[in-house]
């Protein structure tokens, strides 16, 4: 959502427009579909509010966090309020991952990723439902206010930029993937749709967006373990291979050679 900031500070360096991204379970259509959860409704919201006020949602979330295999063993029996609680937890994970990634890549904000301008919460409550401060924190959706990028997605490159620029633009996108590699970040949602191309004079700046599916390398994760998951995810190939096939359809042969940075940890015949 593009928003206008009233009385914006010159320090924001983005003019009067910014991009507001909310991690709100009510509109999380894809996660609902993936998990077979009904679309949001006012009735579901009222049930969720009653269960939150009674303390049942906090108990459920504690089990979801701490009980091994809790989701796998119980989700078929969850009621509507428990489904909403699960979505709340999933959206909070995405929010936390997004903010943590922007923090780790702070020096690249405005260069390879948008500026993170603010972390926000939607100040909303259910009418006639009393919530404790902790319950209000659970209920209120979190979000981020980002630098607004006026451009187009990498997916639509052939429709929006001259052919002579295509190779360089894709190379920039792959370079950003390598920046995440250098900072021990795994992004499970690398795809051309998550790159924004911004025309600038006669050049193009490339930005990666959407970091809700990122995680950092754990302290106890060995080189082999980390290299294996990075090889399997193949974030670089999610750009290079996909764009090579996409542009080949319009008669352009993209030059892409995998860096094979994680080849040493590729699964062998015995794996």
Protein backbone atom coordinates (compact mmCIF):
# COMPACT_ATOMS: atom_id res chain seq x y z
CA UNK A 1 0.00 0.00 0.00
CA UNK A 2 1.40 3.40 -1.03
CA UNK A 3 0.73 6.07 1.60
CA UNK A 4 1.34 9.79 1.88
CA UNK A 5 3.19 10.97 4.97
CA UNK A 6 1.92 14.28 6.30
CA UNK A 7 4.64 16.53 7.65
CA UNK A 8 7.35 14.15 6.46
CA UNK A 9 10.87 14.80 7.62
CA UNK A 10 13.62 15.56 5.10
CA UNK A 11 15.61 12.80 6.80
CA UNK A 12 13.29 10.22 5.23
CA UNK A 13 14.78 11.06 1.84
CA UNK A 14 11.79 9.62 -0.03
CA UNK A 15 9.53 12.60 -0.55
CA UNK A 16 5.96 12.42 0.62
CA UNK A 17 5.25 8.84 -0.45
CA UNK A 18 6.19 5.61 1.28
CA UNK A 19 5.15 1.97 1.07
CA UNK A 20 3.24 0.53 4.02
CA UNK A 21 3.49 -3.24 4.36
CA UNK A 22 1.30 -4.82 7.03
CA UNK A 23 1.65 -8.36 8.33
CA UNK A 24 -2.06 -8.80 8.99
CA UNK A 25 -3.57 -12.28 9.31
CA UNK A 26 -6.96 -10.97 8.17
CA UNK A 27 -5.67 -10.42 4.66
CA UNK A 28 -3.20 -13.32 4.52
CA UNK A 29 -4.96 -15.05 1.66
CA UNK A 30 -2.08 -17.23 0.49
CA UNK A 31 -1.26 -18.59 3.95
CA UNK A 32 -4.97 -19.25 4.51
CA UNK A 33 -5.19 -21.19 1.26
CA UNK A 34 -1.97 -23.11 1.93
CA UNK A 35 -3.29 -24.25 5.32
CA UNK A 36 -6.94 -24.79 4.40
CA UNK A 37 -8.15 -21.97 6.67
CA UNK A 38 -11.43 -20.18 5.94
CA UNK A 39 -11.41 -16.61 4.68
CA UNK A 40 -11.65 -13.96 7.37
CA UNK A 41 -15.07 -12.78 8.53
CA UNK A 42 -16.49 -10.59 11.28
CA UNK A 43 -17.89 -13.66 13.04
CA UNK A 44 -14.46 -15.30 13.08
CA UNK A 45 -12.98 -12.08 14.43
CA UNK A 46 -15.47 -11.93 17.27
CA UNK A 47 -14.72 -15.54 18.23
CA UNK A 48 -10.99 -14.84 18.12
CA UNK A 49 -11.46 -11.79 20.33
CA UNK A 50 -13.45 -13.70 22.94
CA UNK A 51 -10.86 -16.47 23.09
CA UNK A 52 -8.04 -13.94 23.28
CA UNK A 53 -9.70 -12.08 26.14
CA UNK A 54 -10.27 -15.32 28.07
CA UNK A 55 -6.61 -16.31 27.85
CA UNK A 56 -7.20 -19.34 25.62
CA UNK A 57 -5.24 -17.87 22.72
CA UNK A 58 -2.17 -17.23 24.85
CA UNK A 59 -2.27 -20.83 26.07
CA UNK A 60 -2.59 -22.06 22.49
CA UNK A 61 0.33 -19.93 21.29
CA UNK A 62 2.50 -21.18 24.14
CA UNK A 63 1.83 -24.78 23.10
CA UNK A 64 2.49 -23.90 19.48
CA UNK A 65 5.88 -22.50 20.47
CA UNK A 66 6.98 -25.15 22.95
CA UNK A 67 5.25 -28.50 22.40
CA UNK A 68 7.02 -30.73 19.84
CA UNK A 69 4.85 -31.68 16.84
CA UNK A 70 1.92 -29.75 18.31
CA UNK A 71 0.76 -28.44 14.94
CA UNK A 72 1.04 -31.76 13.10
CA UNK A 73 -0.79 -33.67 15.81
CA UNK A 74 -3.60 -31.21 16.56
CA UNK A 75 -4.29 -28.86 13.64
CA UNK A 76 -7.13 -30.94 12.20
CA UNK A 77 -9.07 -30.25 15.40
CA UNK A 78 -8.39 -26.51 15.63
CA UNK A 79 -11.41 -24.25 15.78
CA UNK A 80 -11.71 -20.92 13.96
CA UNK A 81 -10.13 -18.93 16.81
CA UNK A 82 -7.17 -21.30 17.01
CA UNK A 83 -6.68 -21.02 13.26
CA UNK A 84 -6.54 -17.25 13.64
CA UNK A 85 -4.02 -17.64 16.45
CA UNK A 86 -1.86 -19.83 14.22
CA UNK A 87 -2.02 -17.19 11.48
CA UNK A 88 -1.09 -14.53 14.02
CA UNK A 89 2.03 -16.51 14.93
CA UNK A 90 2.96 -17.07 11.28
CA UNK A 91 2.58 -13.41 10.39
CA UNK A 92 4.62 -12.38 13.42
CA UNK A 93 7.42 -14.71 12.28
CA UNK A 94 7.38 -13.05 8.86
CA UNK A 95 7.41 -9.59 10.43
CA UNK A 96 10.31 -10.47 12.73
CA UNK A 97 12.28 -11.95 9.82
CA UNK A 98 11.64 -8.88 7.67
CA UNK A 99 12.79 -6.42 10.34
CA UNK A 100 15.82 -8.52 11.30
CA UNK A 101 16.95 -8.75 7.67
CA UNK A 102 16.63 -5.01 7.14
CA UNK A 103 18.71 -4.53 10.28
CA UNK A 104 21.45 -6.92 9.19
CA UNK A 105 21.58 -5.31 5.74
CA UNK A 106 21.33 -1.76 7.04
CA UNK A 107 24.30 -0.44 5.04
CA UNK A 108 22.66 -1.65 1.82
CA UNK A 109 19.36 0.17 2.43
CA UNK A 110 18.67 2.54 -0.44
CA UNK A 111 21.23 0.69 -2.58
CA UNK A 112 20.12 -2.93 -2.97
CA UNK A 113 17.06 -2.94 -0.69
CA UNK A 114 14.58 -0.18 0.22
CA UNK A 115 15.14 2.11 3.18
CA UNK A 116 13.29 0.91 6.26
CA UNK A 117 11.67 4.11 7.52
CA UNK A 118 9.72 2.85 10.51
CA UNK A 119 8.28 -0.17 12.28
CA UNK A 120 4.56 0.28 12.94
CA UNK A 121 1.59 -1.35 14.66
CA UNK A 122 -2.06 -0.92 13.71
CA UNK A 123 -3.77 0.75 16.67
CA UNK A 124 -7.01 -1.19 16.58
CA UNK A 125 -9.08 -3.02 19.17
CA UNK A 126 -12.27 -5.05 19.21
CA UNK A 127 -15.27 -3.13 20.57
CA UNK A 128 -16.55 -4.31 23.94
CA UNK A 129 -13.60 -6.67 24.44
CA UNK A 130 -11.18 -6.00 27.28
CA UNK A 131 -7.59 -7.02 26.52
CA UNK A 132 -4.46 -6.93 28.63
CA UNK A 133 -1.37 -5.14 27.24
CA UNK A 134 0.09 -8.50 26.19
CA UNK A 135 -3.16 -9.50 24.50
CA UNK A 136 -3.33 -6.18 22.67
CA UNK A 137 0.19 -6.80 21.37
CA UNK A 138 -0.97 -10.17 20.03
CA UNK A 139 -4.06 -8.64 18.44
CA UNK A 140 -2.58 -5.58 16.76
CA UNK A 141 -0.93 -6.29 13.37
CA UNK A 142 2.66 -5.18 12.88
CA UNK A 143 4.10 -3.62 9.76
CA UNK A 144 6.94 -1.73 8.16
CA UNK A 145 7.07 1.63 6.41
CA UNK A 146 9.44 1.42 3.47
CA UNK A 147 10.96 3.67 0.85
CA UNK A 148 8.55 3.76 -2.09
CA UNK A 149 10.14 2.43 -5.26
CA UNK A 150 8.53 3.58 -8.50
CA UNK A 151 9.40 0.88 -10.99
CA UNK A 152 8.52 -2.56 -12.30
CA UNK A 153 9.22 -6.15 -11.30
CA UNK A 154 12.02 -8.23 -12.78
CA UNK A 155 9.35 -10.59 -14.10
CA UNK A 156 8.17 -7.89 -16.53
CA UNK A 157 11.68 -6.87 -17.62
CA UNK A 158 11.12 -7.56 -21.32
CA UNK A 159 8.06 -5.28 -21.38
CA UNK A 160 9.62 -2.33 -19.58
CA UNK A 161 13.30 -1.95 -20.47
CA UNK A 162 15.33 -1.99 -23.71
CA UNK A 163 16.98 -5.27 -24.64
CA UNK A 164 20.49 -3.88 -24.27
CA UNK A 165 19.86 -3.37 -20.53
CA UNK A 166 18.56 -6.86 -19.72
CA UNK A 167 21.86 -8.59 -19.04
CA UNK A 168 23.07 -5.87 -16.68
CA UNK A 169 19.80 -5.76 -14.78
CA UNK A 170 19.74 -9.52 -14.16
CA UNK A 171 23.42 -9.40 -13.17
CA UNK A 172 22.54 -6.77 -10.55
CA UNK A 173 19.79 -8.99 -9.16
CA UNK A 174 22.19 -11.92 -8.85
CA UNK A 175 24.71 -9.63 -7.14
CA UNK A 176 22.09 -8.85 -4.48
CA UNK A 177 21.60 -12.57 -3.87
CA UNK A 178 25.35 -12.81 -3.26
CA UNK A 179 25.12 -9.98 -0.71
CA UNK A 180 22.67 -12.12 1.27
CA UNK A 181 25.11 -15.04 0.96
CA UNK A 182 27.91 -12.86 2.33
CA UNK A 183 25.79 -11.99 5.37
CA UNK A 184 24.70 -15.57 6.09
CA UNK A 185 21.07 -15.04 5.18
CA UNK A 186 18.89 -17.69 3.55
CA UNK A 187 15.87 -16.33 1.70
CA UNK A 188 13.26 -18.95 0.85
CA UNK A 189 11.29 -16.50 -1.30
CA UNK A 190 13.78 -15.39 -3.96
CA UNK A 191 11.98 -14.99 -7.28
CA UNK A 192 11.85 -12.39 -10.07
CA UNK A 193 8.63 -10.89 -8.67
CA UNK A 194 10.57 -9.87 -5.56
CA UNK A 195 12.93 -7.55 -7.41
CA UNK A 196 11.93 -4.00 -8.29
CA UNK A 197 13.67 -2.26 -11.20
CA UNK A 198 13.77 1.53 -10.88
CA UNK A 199 14.63 3.60 -13.98
CA UNK A 200 17.17 6.30 -13.18
CA UNK A 201 18.20 8.58 -16.03
CA UNK A 202 19.53 6.16 -18.66
CA UNK A 203 20.29 3.42 -16.11
CA UNK A 204 18.37 1.03 -13.88
CA UNK A 205 18.68 0.40 -10.15
CA UNK A 206 17.69 -3.03 -8.85
CA UNK A 207 16.22 -3.67 -5.39
CA UNK A 208 15.25 -6.89 -3.64
CA UNK A 209 12.06 -6.77 -1.57
CA UNK A 210 10.12 -9.12 0.74
CA UNK A 211 12.24 -10.72 3.45
CA UNK A 212 9.56 -12.43 5.50
CA UNK A 213 10.87 -15.88 4.54
CA UNK A 214 14.48 -15.16 5.53
CA UNK A 215 16.47 -16.77 8.29
CA UNK A 216 20.03 -16.35 9.53
CA UNK A 217 22.63 -19.04 9.88
CA UNK A 218 22.43 -20.46 13.40
CA UNK A 219 25.47 -20.34 15.65
CA UNK A 220 25.50 -24.13 15.90
CA UNK A 221 25.03 -24.66 12.14
CA UNK A 222 28.15 -26.20 10.60
CA UNK A 223 29.60 -25.22 7.23
CA UNK A 224 28.25 -28.48 5.84
CA UNK A 225 24.75 -27.95 7.22
CA UNK A 226 24.58 -24.35 6.06
CA UNK A 227 26.11 -25.11 2.67
CA UNK A 228 23.63 -27.93 2.13
CA UNK A 229 20.53 -25.84 2.79
CA UNK A 230 21.90 -23.00 0.66
CA UNK A 231 22.64 -25.39 -2.20
CA UNK A 232 19.17 -26.90 -2.03
CA UNK A 233 17.47 -23.50 -1.89
CA UNK A 234 19.55 -22.22 -4.85
CA UNK A 235 18.57 -18.56 -4.49
CA UNK A 236 20.96 -17.59 -7.28
CA UNK A 237 19.35 -20.05 -9.68
CA UNK A 238 15.90 -18.74 -8.76
CA UNK A 239 17.00 -15.57 -10.53
CA UNK A 240 19.53 -16.72 -13.13
CA UNK A 241 17.86 -19.87 -14.43
CA UNK A 242 14.35 -18.45 -14.29
CA UNK A 243 15.24 -15.24 -16.10
CA UNK A 244 17.26 -17.12 -18.70
CA UNK A 245 14.20 -19.22 -19.53
CA UNK A 246 11.91 -16.18 -19.43
CA UNK A 247 14.03 -14.08 -21.77
CA UNK A 248 14.70 -16.99 -24.09
CA UNK A 249 10.99 -16.95 -24.92
CA UNK A 250 11.45 -13.50 -26.48
CA UNK A 251 14.62 -14.41 -28.36
CA UNK A 252 17.25 -13.22 -25.87
CA UNK A 253 20.00 -15.52 -24.64
CA UNK A 254 20.95 -14.44 -21.12
CA UNK A 255 24.50 -15.23 -20.08
CA UNK A 256 24.29 -16.98 -16.73
CA UNK A 257 26.88 -19.26 -15.19
CA UNK A 258 26.16 -20.49 -11.65
CA UNK A 259 28.79 -19.43 -9.13
CA UNK A 260 28.65 -22.91 -7.54
CA UNK A 261 29.50 -21.25 -4.24
CA UNK A 262 27.91 -24.11 -2.31
CA UNK A 263 28.80 -26.96 -4.69
CA UNK A 264 31.06 -28.60 -2.10
CA UNK A 265 28.00 -29.30 0.05
CA UNK A 266 25.71 -30.60 -2.69
CA UNK A 267 24.03 -33.92 -1.87
CA UNK A 268 25.97 -36.93 -3.11
CA UNK A 269 24.76 -40.24 -4.49
CA UNK A 270 24.59 -41.72 -0.98
CA UNK A 271 22.44 -38.89 0.42
